């Protein structure tokens, strides 16, 4: 039974990570059809909220026991934590405007060593030797995966910046989602966090697209940050039934459900290793659907990053394994 539960966990986490890995490719395709970052993120969060509300309603009326409700303090904390969720999507999607998906996902995976730094600061303890070695391997893998050694490489610094900002936000999201209100049902917790993220997304929509269209003062403020005025136009609602549905399913509904089923069975260490499938899936999707060029040295870098994740999460002693409840 234990092996069966572990296998179930691995399968669910693997599928969830693979679905997450497809996300950026669909975002890039949406950009190619003229949709803006505001339209992509807004459609994802709106439809994601609708989907989770429906699932929460079904769970509430079919549950044989009364489901716990959050306190007002928990709602505030979860909404605040949810802003990092909104920032992760926003920063990541801005990054893929300037750089290839295969580069953006590598930058997002810098959260692997960001989390080591945050953990060390919070615990006030220097990371062990294996974690330090893993971080060095991640950095070396990143240099190869982004092809930094190529003299003819032309990487837009804006894409690099927003990709690293996405990694920082993703690190914060991982820490908060694993520590706040863990007793709540996944749908209720996700809805509250998504509401917090929506504040960031709607704020960006107002600042970068809708606001400058109707208010000259906002337009003047917006033009202080960029000379690009292509995004200033009425909201294109067709995004809701084209890419919005796919993005909400692949980004805010299906993966969290699969992860919440999979991680308790697989365990945090094994689950983290399996979830790194997001990296090769994302690069492969970009290679197949977008035609992005990925050379051998970049695949070697990706392999190094995956190896570092495995190294960081293997049990300390070979004889000890996590017990599955």
C-alpha atoms as a PDB file:
ATOM      1  CA  UNK A   1       0.000   0.000   0.000  1.00  0.00           C
ATOM      2  CA  UNK A   2       2.869   2.342   0.804  1.00  0.00           C
ATOM      3  CA  UNK A   3       4.473   1.881  -2.609  1.00  0.00           C
ATOM      4  CA  UNK A   4       1.115   2.388  -4.271  1.00  0.00           C
ATOM      5  CA  UNK A   5       0.618   5.689  -2.409  1.00  0.00           C
ATOM      6  CA  UNK A   6       4.110   6.892  -3.328  1.00  0.00           C
ATOM      7  CA  UNK A   7       3.527   5.977  -6.976  1.00  0.00           C
ATOM      8  CA  UNK A   8       0.211   7.843  -6.900  1.00  0.00           C
ATOM      9  CA  UNK A   9       1.941  10.890  -5.436  1.00  0.00           C
ATOM     10  CA  UNK A  10       4.713  10.831  -8.028  1.00  0.00           C
ATOM     11  CA  UNK A  11       2.210  10.532 -10.887  1.00  0.00           C
ATOM     12  CA  UNK A  12       0.017  13.418  -9.646  1.00  0.00           C
ATOM     13  CA  UNK A  13       2.962  15.737  -8.923  1.00  0.00           C
ATOM     14  CA  UNK A  14       4.561  14.840 -12.266  1.00  0.00           C
ATOM     15  CA  UNK A  15       1.392  15.604 -14.222  1.00  0.00           C
ATOM     16  CA  UNK A  16       0.871  18.856 -12.309  1.00  0.00           C
ATOM     17  CA  UNK A  17       4.449  20.000 -12.962  1.00  0.00           C
ATOM     18  CA  UNK A  18       4.191  19.064 -16.639  1.00  0.00           C
ATOM     19  CA  UNK A  19       1.000  21.109 -17.013  1.00  0.00           C
ATOM     20  CA  UNK A  20       2.675  24.084 -15.333  1.00  0.00           C
ATOM     21  CA  UNK A  21       5.536  23.689 -17.782  1.00  0.00           C
ATOM     22  CA  UNK A  22       3.193  24.189 -20.740  1.00  0.00           C
ATOM     23  CA  UNK A  23       1.905  27.520 -19.438  1.00  0.00           C
ATOM     24  CA  UNK A  24       4.525  29.931 -20.786  1.00  0.00           C
ATOM     25  CA  UNK A  25       4.268  28.503 -24.310  1.00  0.00           C
ATOM     26  CA  UNK A  26       0.546  29.333 -24.430  1.00  0.00           C
ATOM     27  CA  UNK A  27       1.311  32.816 -23.096  1.00  0.00           C
ATOM     28  CA  UNK A  28       3.809  33.323 -25.908  1.00  0.00           C
ATOM     29  CA  UNK A  29       1.240  32.124 -28.450  1.00  0.00           C
ATOM     30  CA  UNK A  30      -1.280  34.602 -27.019  1.00  0.00           C
ATOM     31  CA  UNK A  31       1.276  37.401 -27.451  1.00  0.00           C
ATOM     32  CA  UNK A  32       1.768  36.383 -31.075  1.00  0.00           C
ATOM     33  CA  UNK A  33      -1.973  36.910 -31.637  1.00  0.00           C
ATOM     34  CA  UNK A  34      -1.817  40.443 -30.250  1.00  0.00           C
ATOM     35  CA  UNK A  35      -3.030  39.958 -26.684  1.00  0.00           C
ATOM     36  CA  UNK A  36      -1.359  41.998 -23.930  1.00  0.00           C
ATOM     37  CA  UNK A  37       0.174  40.927 -20.625  1.00  0.00           C
ATOM     38  CA  UNK A  38      -2.758  42.579 -18.826  1.00  0.00           C
ATOM     39  CA  UNK A  39      -5.291  40.624 -20.878  1.00  0.00           C
ATOM     40  CA  UNK A  40      -3.465  37.325 -20.412  1.00  0.00           C
ATOM     41  CA  UNK A  41      -3.066  37.637 -16.633  1.00  0.00           C
ATOM     42  CA  UNK A  42      -6.543  39.114 -16.038  1.00  0.00           C
ATOM     43  CA  UNK A  43      -8.282  36.342 -17.987  1.00  0.00           C
ATOM     44  CA  UNK A  44      -6.269  33.681 -16.163  1.00  0.00           C
ATOM     45  CA  UNK A  45      -7.119  35.013 -12.706  1.00  0.00           C
ATOM     46  CA  UNK A  46     -10.795  35.785 -13.412  1.00  0.00           C
ATOM     47  CA  UNK A  47     -11.543  32.372 -14.907  1.00  0.00           C
ATOM     48  CA  UNK A  48      -9.369  30.712 -12.278  1.00  0.00           C
ATOM     49  CA  UNK A  49     -11.455  32.312  -9.521  1.00  0.00           C
ATOM     50  CA  UNK A  50     -14.698  31.251 -11.207  1.00  0.00           C
ATOM     51  CA  UNK A  51     -13.448  27.678 -11.568  1.00  0.00           C
ATOM     52  CA  UNK A  52     -12.281  27.454  -7.950  1.00  0.00           C
ATOM     53  CA  UNK A  53     -15.561  28.954  -6.660  1.00  0.00           C
ATOM     54  CA  UNK A  54     -17.487  26.268  -8.535  1.00  0.00           C
ATOM     55  CA  UNK A  55     -15.228  23.508  -7.193  1.00  0.00           C
ATOM     56  CA  UNK A  56     -15.474  24.920  -3.655  1.00  0.00           C
ATOM     57  CA  UNK A  57     -19.284  24.987  -3.912  1.00  0.00           C
ATOM     58  CA  UNK A  58     -19.355  21.365  -5.077  1.00  0.00           C
ATOM     59  CA  UNK A  59     -16.995  20.323  -2.282  1.00  0.00           C
ATOM     60  CA  UNK A  60     -19.062  22.171   0.339  1.00  0.00           C
ATOM     61  CA  UNK A  61     -22.411  20.608  -0.583  1.00  0.00           C
ATOM     62  CA  UNK A  62     -21.009  17.093  -1.087  1.00  0.00           C
ATOM     63  CA  UNK A  63     -18.792  16.962   2.004  1.00  0.00           C
ATOM     64  CA  UNK A  64     -20.086  14.758   4.799  1.00  0.00           C
ATOM     65  CA  UNK A  65     -18.568  17.005   7.438  1.00  0.00           C
ATOM     66  CA  UNK A  66     -18.449  20.754   8.007  1.00  0.00           C
ATOM     67  CA  UNK A  67     -15.396  22.220   6.342  1.00  0.00           C
ATOM     68  CA  UNK A  68     -13.267  24.664   8.369  1.00  0.00           C
ATOM     69  CA  UNK A  69     -13.585  28.356   7.590  1.00  0.00           C
ATOM     70  CA  UNK A  70     -10.742  30.897   7.810  1.00  0.00           C
ATOM     71  CA  UNK A  71     -10.588  33.558  10.500  1.00  0.00           C
ATOM     72  CA  UNK A  72     -10.416  37.223   9.517  1.00  0.00           C
ATOM     73  CA  UNK A  73      -6.687  37.216  10.369  1.00  0.00           C
ATOM     74  CA  UNK A  74      -6.090  34.185   8.152  1.00  0.00           C
ATOM     75  CA  UNK A  75      -7.986  35.855   5.307  1.00  0.00           C
ATOM     76  CA  UNK A  76      -5.773  38.943   5.588  1.00  0.00           C
ATOM     77  CA  UNK A  77      -2.567  36.879   5.734  1.00  0.00           C
ATOM     78  CA  UNK A  78      -3.585  34.655   2.811  1.00  0.00           C
ATOM     79  CA  UNK A  79      -4.581  37.633   0.656  1.00  0.00           C
ATOM     80  CA  UNK A  80      -1.260  39.294   1.454  1.00  0.00           C
ATOM     81  CA  UNK A  81       0.569  36.075   0.573  1.00  0.00           C
ATOM     82  CA  UNK A  82      -1.515  35.840  -2.585  1.00  0.00           C
ATOM     83  CA  UNK A  83      -0.032  39.090  -3.868  1.00  0.00           C
ATOM     84  CA  UNK A  84       3.234  37.187  -4.417  1.00  0.00           C
ATOM     85  CA  UNK A  85       1.262  34.685  -6.486  1.00  0.00           C
ATOM     86  CA  UNK A  86      -0.012  37.514  -8.677  1.00  0.00           C
ATOM     87  CA  UNK A  87       3.464  39.012  -8.946  1.00  0.00           C
ATOM     88  CA  UNK A  88       4.941  35.663 -10.008  1.00  0.00           C
ATOM     89  CA  UNK A  89       2.540  35.327 -12.943  1.00  0.00           C
ATOM     90  CA  UNK A  90       2.862  38.994 -13.885  1.00  0.00           C
ATOM     91  CA  UNK A  91       6.676  39.114 -13.755  1.00  0.00           C
ATOM     92  CA  UNK A  92       7.051  35.757 -15.539  1.00  0.00           C
ATOM     93  CA  UNK A  93       4.700  36.766 -18.348  1.00  0.00           C
ATOM     94  CA  UNK A  94       6.450  40.112 -18.753  1.00  0.00           C
ATOM     95  CA  UNK A  95       9.771  38.251 -18.978  1.00  0.00           C
ATOM     96  CA  UNK A  96       8.629  36.069 -21.900  1.00  0.00           C
ATOM     97  CA  UNK A  97       7.855  39.252 -23.827  1.00  0.00           C
ATOM     98  CA  UNK A  98      11.576  39.969 -24.007  1.00  0.00           C
ATOM     99  CA  UNK A  99      13.282  36.559 -23.906  1.00  0.00           C
ATOM    100  CA  UNK A 100      12.632  32.985 -25.039  1.00  0.00           C
ATOM    101  CA  UNK A 101      10.442  30.724 -22.927  1.00  0.00           C
ATOM    102  CA  UNK A 102      13.376  28.319 -22.547  1.00  0.00           C
ATOM    103  CA  UNK A 103      15.446  31.107 -20.941  1.00  0.00           C
ATOM    104  CA  UNK A 104      12.566  32.441 -18.826  1.00  0.00           C
ATOM    105  CA  UNK A 105      11.850  29.053 -17.216  1.00  0.00           C
ATOM    106  CA  UNK A 106      15.543  28.663 -16.340  1.00  0.00           C
ATOM    107  CA  UNK A 107      15.448  32.049 -14.621  1.00  0.00           C
ATOM    108  CA  UNK A 108      12.263  31.080 -12.768  1.00  0.00           C
ATOM    109  CA  UNK A 109      14.030  27.944 -11.496  1.00  0.00           C
ATOM    110  CA  UNK A 110      16.527  30.181  -9.693  1.00  0.00           C
ATOM    111  CA  UNK A 111      13.936  29.921  -6.925  1.00  0.00           C
ATOM    112  CA  UNK A 112      15.755  26.663  -6.069  1.00  0.00           C
ATOM    113  CA  UNK A 113      18.717  28.550  -4.625  1.00  0.00           C
ATOM    114  CA  UNK A 114      16.707  31.623  -3.645  1.00  0.00           C
ATOM    115  CA  UNK A 115      14.800  29.363  -1.245  1.00  0.00           C
ATOM    116  CA  UNK A 116      18.089  28.153   0.274  1.00  0.00           C
ATOM    117  CA  UNK A 117      19.107  31.753   0.959  1.00  0.00           C
ATOM    118  CA  UNK A 118      15.706  32.641   2.466  1.00  0.00           C
ATOM    119  CA  UNK A 119      15.738  29.514   4.628  1.00  0.00           C
ATOM    120  CA  UNK A 120      19.215  30.377   5.918  1.00  0.00           C
ATOM    121  CA  UNK A 121      18.159  33.927   6.780  1.00  0.00           C
ATOM    122  CA  UNK A 122      15.000  32.777   8.568  1.00  0.00           C
ATOM    123  CA  UNK A 123      16.732  30.008  10.542  1.00  0.00           C
ATOM    124  CA  UNK A 124      19.935  32.030  11.014  1.00  0.00           C
ATOM    125  CA  UNK A 125      21.910  28.935  10.056  1.00  0.00           C
ATOM    126  CA  UNK A 126      24.454  28.451   7.285  1.00  0.00           C
ATOM    127  CA  UNK A 127      23.216  25.877   4.726  1.00  0.00           C
ATOM    128  CA  UNK A 128      24.862  22.454   4.846  1.00  0.00           C
ATOM    129  CA  UNK A 129      27.570  21.428   2.385  1.00  0.00           C
ATOM    130  CA  UNK A 130      25.180  19.564   0.084  1.00  0.00           C
ATOM    131  CA  UNK A 131      22.936  22.609  -0.312  1.00  0.00           C
ATOM    132  CA  UNK A 132      25.919  24.874  -1.012  1.00  0.00           C
ATOM    133  CA  UNK A 133      27.185  22.430  -3.661  1.00  0.00           C
ATOM    134  CA  UNK A 134      23.665  22.245  -5.124  1.00  0.00           C
ATOM    135  CA  UNK A 135      23.491  26.037  -5.400  1.00  0.00           C
ATOM    136  CA  UNK A 136      26.858  26.126  -7.193  1.00  0.00           C
ATOM    137  CA  UNK A 137      25.639  23.435  -9.615  1.00  0.00           C
ATOM    138  CA  UNK A 138      22.415  25.416 -10.239  1.00  0.00           C
ATOM    139  CA  UNK A 139      24.410  28.550 -11.040  1.00  0.00           C
ATOM    140  CA  UNK A 140      26.744  26.623 -13.352  1.00  0.00           C
ATOM    141  CA  UNK A 141      23.752  24.960 -15.010  1.00  0.00           C
ATOM    142  CA  UNK A 142      22.086  28.339 -15.442  1.00  0.00           C
ATOM    143  CA  UNK A 143      25.159  29.740 -17.203  1.00  0.00           C
ATOM    144  CA  UNK A 144      25.023  26.826 -19.650  1.00  0.00           C
ATOM    145  CA  UNK A 145      21.219  26.736 -20.008  1.00  0.00           C
ATOM    146  CA  UNK A 146      21.088  30.437 -20.898  1.00  0.00           C
ATOM    147  CA  UNK A 147      24.130  30.020 -23.194  1.00  0.00           C
ATOM    148  CA  UNK A 148      25.973  32.883 -21.491  1.00  0.00           C
ATOM    149  CA  UNK A 149      29.300  31.753 -22.960  1.00  0.00           C
ATOM    150  CA  UNK A 150      28.118  32.568 -26.470  1.00  0.00           C
ATOM    151  CA  UNK A 151      29.788  35.820 -27.542  1.00  0.00           C
ATOM    152  CA  UNK A 152      26.984  36.510 -30.013  1.00  0.00           C
ATOM    153  CA  UNK A 153      24.268  36.077 -27.382  1.00  0.00           C
ATOM    154  CA  UNK A 154      21.839  38.986 -27.260  1.00  0.00           C
ATOM    155  CA  UNK A 155      19.733  38.683 -24.105  1.00  0.00           C
ATOM    156  CA  UNK A 156      17.410  41.578 -23.274  1.00  0.00           C
ATOM    157  CA  UNK A 157      18.282  42.745 -19.763  1.00  0.00           C
ATOM    158  CA  UNK A 158      14.584  43.519 -19.159  1.00  0.00           C
ATOM    159  CA  UNK A 159      13.716  39.865 -19.653  1.00  0.00           C
ATOM    160  CA  UNK A 160      16.525  38.800 -17.297  1.00  0.00           C
ATOM    161  CA  UNK A 161      15.358  41.274 -14.640  1.00  0.00           C
ATOM    162  CA  UNK A 162      11.694  40.247 -14.763  1.00  0.00           C
ATOM    163  CA  UNK A 163      12.621  36.566 -14.878  1.00  0.00           C
ATOM    164  CA  UNK A 164      14.632  36.907 -11.664  1.00  0.00           C
ATOM    165  CA  UNK A 165      11.840  38.965 -10.080  1.00  0.00           C
ATOM    166  CA  UNK A 166       9.449  36.109 -10.931  1.00  0.00           C
ATOM    167  CA  UNK A 167      11.828  33.666  -9.222  1.00  0.00           C
ATOM    168  CA  UNK A 168      11.914  35.844  -6.098  1.00  0.00           C
ATOM    169  CA  UNK A 169       8.101  36.065  -6.003  1.00  0.00           C
ATOM    170  CA  UNK A 170       7.784  32.328  -6.613  1.00  0.00           C
ATOM    171  CA  UNK A 171      10.118  31.658  -3.674  1.00  0.00           C
ATOM    172  CA  UNK A 172       7.926  33.799  -1.423  1.00  0.00           C
ATOM    173  CA  UNK A 173       4.792  32.041  -2.693  1.00  0.00           C
ATOM    174  CA  UNK A 174       6.242  28.609  -1.873  1.00  0.00           C
ATOM    175  CA  UNK A 175       7.174  29.608   1.669  1.00  0.00           C
ATOM    176  CA  UNK A 176       3.847  31.258   2.482  1.00  0.00           C
ATOM    177  CA  UNK A 177       1.591  28.629   0.895  1.00  0.00           C
ATOM    178  CA  UNK A 178       3.291  25.871   2.892  1.00  0.00           C
ATOM    179  CA  UNK A 179       3.022  27.646   6.244  1.00  0.00           C
ATOM    180  CA  UNK A 180      -0.217  29.677   6.266  1.00  0.00           C
ATOM    181  CA  UNK A 181      -3.632  28.202   7.194  1.00  0.00           C
ATOM    182  CA  UNK A 182      -2.629  24.638   6.329  1.00  0.00           C
ATOM    183  CA  UNK A 183      -5.848  23.330   7.952  1.00  0.00           C
ATOM    184  CA  UNK A 184      -8.068  24.921   5.285  1.00  0.00           C
ATOM    185  CA  UNK A 185      -9.419  22.940   2.305  1.00  0.00           C
ATOM    186  CA  UNK A 186      -7.285  23.570  -0.769  1.00  0.00           C
ATOM    187  CA  UNK A 187     -10.080  25.261  -2.757  1.00  0.00           C
ATOM    188  CA  UNK A 188     -10.920  27.775  -0.013  1.00  0.00           C
ATOM    189  CA  UNK A 189      -7.275  28.589   0.595  1.00  0.00           C
ATOM    190  CA  UNK A 190      -6.577  28.949  -3.129  1.00  0.00           C
ATOM    191  CA  UNK A 191      -9.585  31.249  -3.630  1.00  0.00           C
ATOM    192  CA  UNK A 192      -8.398  33.652  -0.927  1.00  0.00           C
ATOM    193  CA  UNK A 193      -4.822  33.682  -2.230  1.00  0.00           C
ATOM    194  CA  UNK A 194      -6.082  34.176  -5.769  1.00  0.00           C
ATOM    195  CA  UNK A 195      -8.118  37.173  -4.589  1.00  0.00           C
ATOM    196  CA  UNK A 196      -4.918  38.696  -3.202  1.00  0.00           C
ATOM    197  CA  UNK A 197      -3.124  38.000  -6.472  1.00  0.00           C
ATOM    198  CA  UNK A 198      -5.995  39.533  -8.415  1.00  0.00           C
ATOM    199  CA  UNK A 199      -5.408  42.874  -6.675  1.00  0.00           C
ATOM    200  CA  UNK A 200      -1.928  42.954  -8.238  1.00  0.00           C
ATOM    201  CA  UNK A 201      -3.232  41.860 -11.645  1.00  0.00           C
ATOM    202  CA  UNK A 202      -6.105  44.377 -11.709  1.00  0.00           C
ATOM    203  CA  UNK A 203      -3.752  47.103 -10.508  1.00  0.00           C
ATOM    204  CA  UNK A 204      -1.433  46.387 -13.446  1.00  0.00           C
ATOM    205  CA  UNK A 205      -4.403  46.317 -15.839  1.00  0.00           C
ATOM    206  CA  UNK A 206      -5.425  49.776 -14.633  1.00  0.00           C
ATOM    207  CA  UNK A 207      -1.868  51.118 -14.778  1.00  0.00           C
ATOM    208  CA  UNK A 208      -0.701  49.688 -18.115  1.00  0.00           C
ATOM    209  CA  UNK A 209      -3.799  49.446 -20.291  1.00  0.00           C
ATOM    210  CA  UNK A 210      -7.195  50.738 -19.142  1.00  0.00           C
ATOM    211  CA  UNK A 211      -6.050  53.717 -17.064  1.00  0.00           C
ATOM    212  CA  UNK A 212      -3.853  55.401 -19.713  1.00  0.00           C
ATOM    213  CA  UNK A 213      -6.677  54.951 -22.217  1.00  0.00           C
ATOM    214  CA  UNK A 214      -9.082  57.121 -20.215  1.00  0.00           C
ATOM    215  CA  UNK A 215      -6.890  59.347 -18.023  1.00  0.00           C
ATOM    216  CA  UNK A 216      -4.121  61.567 -19.393  1.00  0.00           C
ATOM    217  CA  UNK A 217      -2.394  61.798 -16.003  1.00  0.00           C
ATOM    218  CA  UNK A 218      -2.096  58.022 -15.823  1.00  0.00           C
ATOM    219  CA  UNK A 219      -0.875  57.920 -19.418  1.00  0.00           C
ATOM    220  CA  UNK A 220       1.850  60.447 -18.611  1.00  0.00           C
ATOM    221  CA  UNK A 221       2.866  58.374 -15.592  1.00  0.00           C
ATOM    222  CA  UNK A 222       2.891  55.174 -17.664  1.00  0.00           C
ATOM    223  CA  UNK A 223       5.073  56.756 -20.358  1.00  0.00           C
ATOM    224  CA  UNK A 224       7.723  57.473 -17.714  1.00  0.00           C
ATOM    225  CA  UNK A 225       8.371  53.721 -17.604  1.00  0.00           C
ATOM    226  CA  UNK A 226       8.100  52.833 -21.290  1.00  0.00           C
ATOM    227  CA  UNK A 227       7.645  54.424 -24.699  1.00  0.00           C
ATOM    228  CA  UNK A 228       5.537  51.497 -25.895  1.00  0.00           C
ATOM    229  CA  UNK A 229       1.894  52.576 -26.303  1.00  0.00           C
ATOM    230  CA  UNK A 230       0.685  49.463 -28.142  1.00  0.00           C
ATOM    231  CA  UNK A 231      -0.851  48.088 -24.941  1.00  0.00           C
ATOM    232  CA  UNK A 232      -3.062  51.132 -24.440  1.00  0.00           C
ATOM    233  CA  UNK A 233      -6.371  50.044 -25.963  1.00  0.00           C
ATOM    234  CA  UNK A 234      -9.763  48.656 -24.836  1.00  0.00           C
ATOM    235  CA  UNK A 235      -9.688  45.240 -23.164  1.00  0.00           C
ATOM    236  CA  UNK A 236     -10.005  42.451 -25.733  1.00  0.00           C
ATOM    237  CA  UNK A 237     -12.608  40.142 -24.170  1.00  0.00           C
ATOM    238  CA  UNK A 238     -12.000  37.400 -26.733  1.00  0.00           C
ATOM    239  CA  UNK A 239      -9.031  36.339 -24.586  1.00  0.00           C
ATOM    240  CA  UNK A 240     -11.541  34.883 -22.108  1.00  0.00           C
ATOM    241  CA  UNK A 241     -12.730  32.130 -24.454  1.00  0.00           C
ATOM    242  CA  UNK A 242      -9.469  31.613 -26.346  1.00  0.00           C
ATOM    243  CA  UNK A 243      -6.320  31.477 -24.228  1.00  0.00           C
ATOM    244  CA  UNK A 244      -7.866  32.528 -20.916  1.00  0.00           C
ATOM    245  CA  UNK A 245      -9.601  29.195 -20.384  1.00  0.00           C
ATOM    246  CA  UNK A 246      -6.418  27.216 -21.062  1.00  0.00           C
ATOM    247  CA  UNK A 247      -4.286  29.487 -18.859  1.00  0.00           C
ATOM    248  CA  UNK A 248      -6.727  29.320 -15.935  1.00  0.00           C
ATOM    249  CA  UNK A 249      -6.952  25.524 -16.118  1.00  0.00           C
ATOM    250  CA  UNK A 250      -3.199  25.015 -16.557  1.00  0.00           C
ATOM    251  CA  UNK A 251      -2.123  27.801 -14.209  1.00  0.00           C
ATOM    252  CA  UNK A 252      -4.568  28.196 -11.325  1.00  0.00           C
ATOM    253  CA  UNK A 253      -6.915  25.196 -11.166  1.00  0.00           C
ATOM    254  CA  UNK A 254      -5.500  21.807 -12.198  1.00  0.00           C
ATOM    255  CA  UNK A 255      -1.853  21.903 -10.938  1.00  0.00           C
ATOM    256  CA  UNK A 256      -2.670  23.045  -7.365  1.00  0.00           C
ATOM    257  CA  UNK A 257      -5.264  20.257  -7.060  1.00  0.00           C
ATOM    258  CA  UNK A 258      -2.776  17.661  -8.336  1.00  0.00           C
ATOM    259  CA  UNK A 259      -0.006  18.967  -6.070  1.00  0.00           C
ATOM    260  CA  UNK A 260      -2.224  18.860  -2.993  1.00  0.00           C
ATOM    261  CA  UNK A 261      -3.083  15.240  -3.755  1.00  0.00           C
ATOM    262  CA  UNK A 262       0.425  14.258  -4.810  1.00  0.00           C
ATOM    263  CA  UNK A 263       2.754  15.871  -2.264  1.00  0.00           C
ATOM    264  CA  UNK A 264       1.241  14.193   0.853  1.00  0.00           C
ATOM    265  CA  UNK A 265       1.731  10.812  -0.815  1.00  0.00           C
ATOM    266  CA  UNK A 266       5.113  11.396  -2.439  1.00  0.00           C
ATOM    267  CA  UNK A 267       6.623  13.382   0.412  1.00  0.00           C
ATOM    268  CA  UNK A 268       8.139  16.855   0.162  1.00  0.00           C
ATOM    269  CA  UNK A 269      11.619  15.690  -0.912  1.00  0.00           C
ATOM    270  CA  UNK A 270      10.543  13.278  -3.644  1.00  0.00           C
ATOM    271  CA  UNK A 271       7.723  15.628  -4.663  1.00  0.00           C
ATOM    272  CA  UNK A 272      10.182  18.497  -5.137  1.00  0.00           C
ATOM    273  CA  UNK A 273      12.356  16.334  -7.356  1.00  0.00           C
ATOM    274  CA  UNK A 274       9.409  15.232  -9.496  1.00  0.00           C
ATOM    275  CA  UNK A 275       8.028  18.781  -9.729  1.00  0.00           C
ATOM    276  CA  UNK A 276      11.264  19.847 -11.456  1.00  0.00           C
ATOM    277  CA  UNK A 277       9.808  18.179 -14.561  1.00  0.00           C
ATOM    278  CA  UNK A 278       8.372  21.641 -15.204  1.00  0.00           C
ATOM    279  CA  UNK A 279      11.769  22.725 -16.551  1.00  0.00           C
ATOM    280  CA  UNK A 280      12.348  20.159 -19.349  1.00  0.00           C
ATOM    281  CA  UNK A 281       8.634  20.149 -20.282  1.00  0.00           C
ATOM    282  CA  UNK A 282       8.625  23.938 -20.678  1.00  0.00           C
ATOM    283  CA  UNK A 283      11.782  23.920 -22.810  1.00  0.00           C
ATOM    284  CA  UNK A 284      10.491  21.020 -24.937  1.00  0.00           C
ATOM    285  CA  UNK A 285       7.130  22.755 -25.523  1.00  0.00           C
ATOM    286  CA  UNK A 286       8.910  25.952 -26.565  1.00  0.00           C
ATOM    287  CA  UNK A 287      11.132  23.913 -28.898  1.00  0.00           C
ATOM    288  CA  UNK A 288       8.216  22.023 -30.497  1.00  0.00           C
ATOM    289  CA  UNK A 289       5.428  24.653 -30.640  1.00  0.00           C
ATOM    290  CA  UNK A 290       7.381  27.908 -30.827  1.00  0.00           C
ATOM    291  CA  UNK A 291      10.400  26.682 -32.752  1.00  0.00           C
ATOM    292  CA  UNK A 292      12.835  28.115 -30.187  1.00  0.00           C
ATOM    293  CA  UNK A 293      16.400  26.982 -30.781  1.00  0.00           C
ATOM    294  CA  UNK A 294      17.813  24.961 -27.880  1.00  0.00           C
ATOM    295  CA  UNK A 295      21.393  23.766 -28.424  1.00  0.00           C
ATOM    296  CA  UNK A 296      23.199  20.867 -26.733  1.00  0.00           C
ATOM    297  CA  UNK A 297      25.021  23.025 -24.169  1.00  0.00           C
ATOM    298  CA  UNK A 298      21.673  24.385 -22.970  1.00  0.00           C
ATOM    299  CA  UNK A 299      20.296  20.846 -22.487  1.00  0.00           C
ATOM    300  CA  UNK A 300      23.430  20.038 -20.469  1.00  0.00           C
ATOM    301  CA  UNK A 301      22.749  23.095 -18.290  1.00  0.00           C
ATOM    302  CA  UNK A 302      19.144  21.998 -17.772  1.00  0.00           C
ATOM    303  CA  UNK A 303      20.366  18.521 -16.803  1.00  0.00           C
ATOM    304  CA  UNK A 304      22.733  20.096 -14.242  1.00  0.00           C
ATOM    305  CA  UNK A 305      19.889  22.104 -12.683  1.00  0.00           C
ATOM    306  CA  UNK A 306      17.751  18.956 -12.431  1.00  0.00           C
ATOM    307  CA  UNK A 307      20.685  17.086 -10.870  1.00  0.00           C
ATOM    308  CA  UNK A 308      21.115  19.868  -8.285  1.00  0.00           C
ATOM    309  CA  UNK A 309      17.422  19.642  -7.349  1.00  0.00           C
ATOM    310  CA  UNK A 310      17.741  15.878  -6.859  1.00  0.00           C
ATOM    311  CA  UNK A 311      20.938  16.330  -4.822  1.00  0.00           C
ATOM    312  CA  UNK A 312      19.270  18.919  -2.611  1.00  0.00           C
ATOM    313  CA  UNK A 313      16.274  16.690  -1.847  1.00  0.00           C
ATOM    314  CA  UNK A 314      17.721  13.190  -1.398  1.00  0.00           C
ATOM    315  CA  UNK A 315      17.480  11.826   2.166  1.00  0.00           C
ATOM    316  CA  UNK A 316      20.417  12.560   4.456  1.00  0.00           C
ATOM    317  CA  UNK A 317      20.887   8.899   5.293  1.00  0.00           C
ATOM    318  CA  UNK A 318      20.302   6.191   2.764  1.00  0.00           C
ATOM    319  CA  UNK A 319      18.543   3.934   5.241  1.00  0.00           C
ATOM    320  CA  UNK A 320      15.917   6.505   6.206  1.00  0.00           C
ATOM    321  CA  UNK A 321      12.850   7.186   4.097  1.00  0.00           C
ATOM    322  CA  UNK A 322       9.824   9.322   4.715  1.00  0.00           C
ATOM    323  CA  UNK A 323       6.862   7.586   6.217  1.00  0.00           C
ATOM    324  CA  UNK A 324       3.610   7.963   4.344  1.00  0.00           C
ATOM    325  CA  UNK A 325       0.532   8.512   6.442  1.00  0.00           C
END
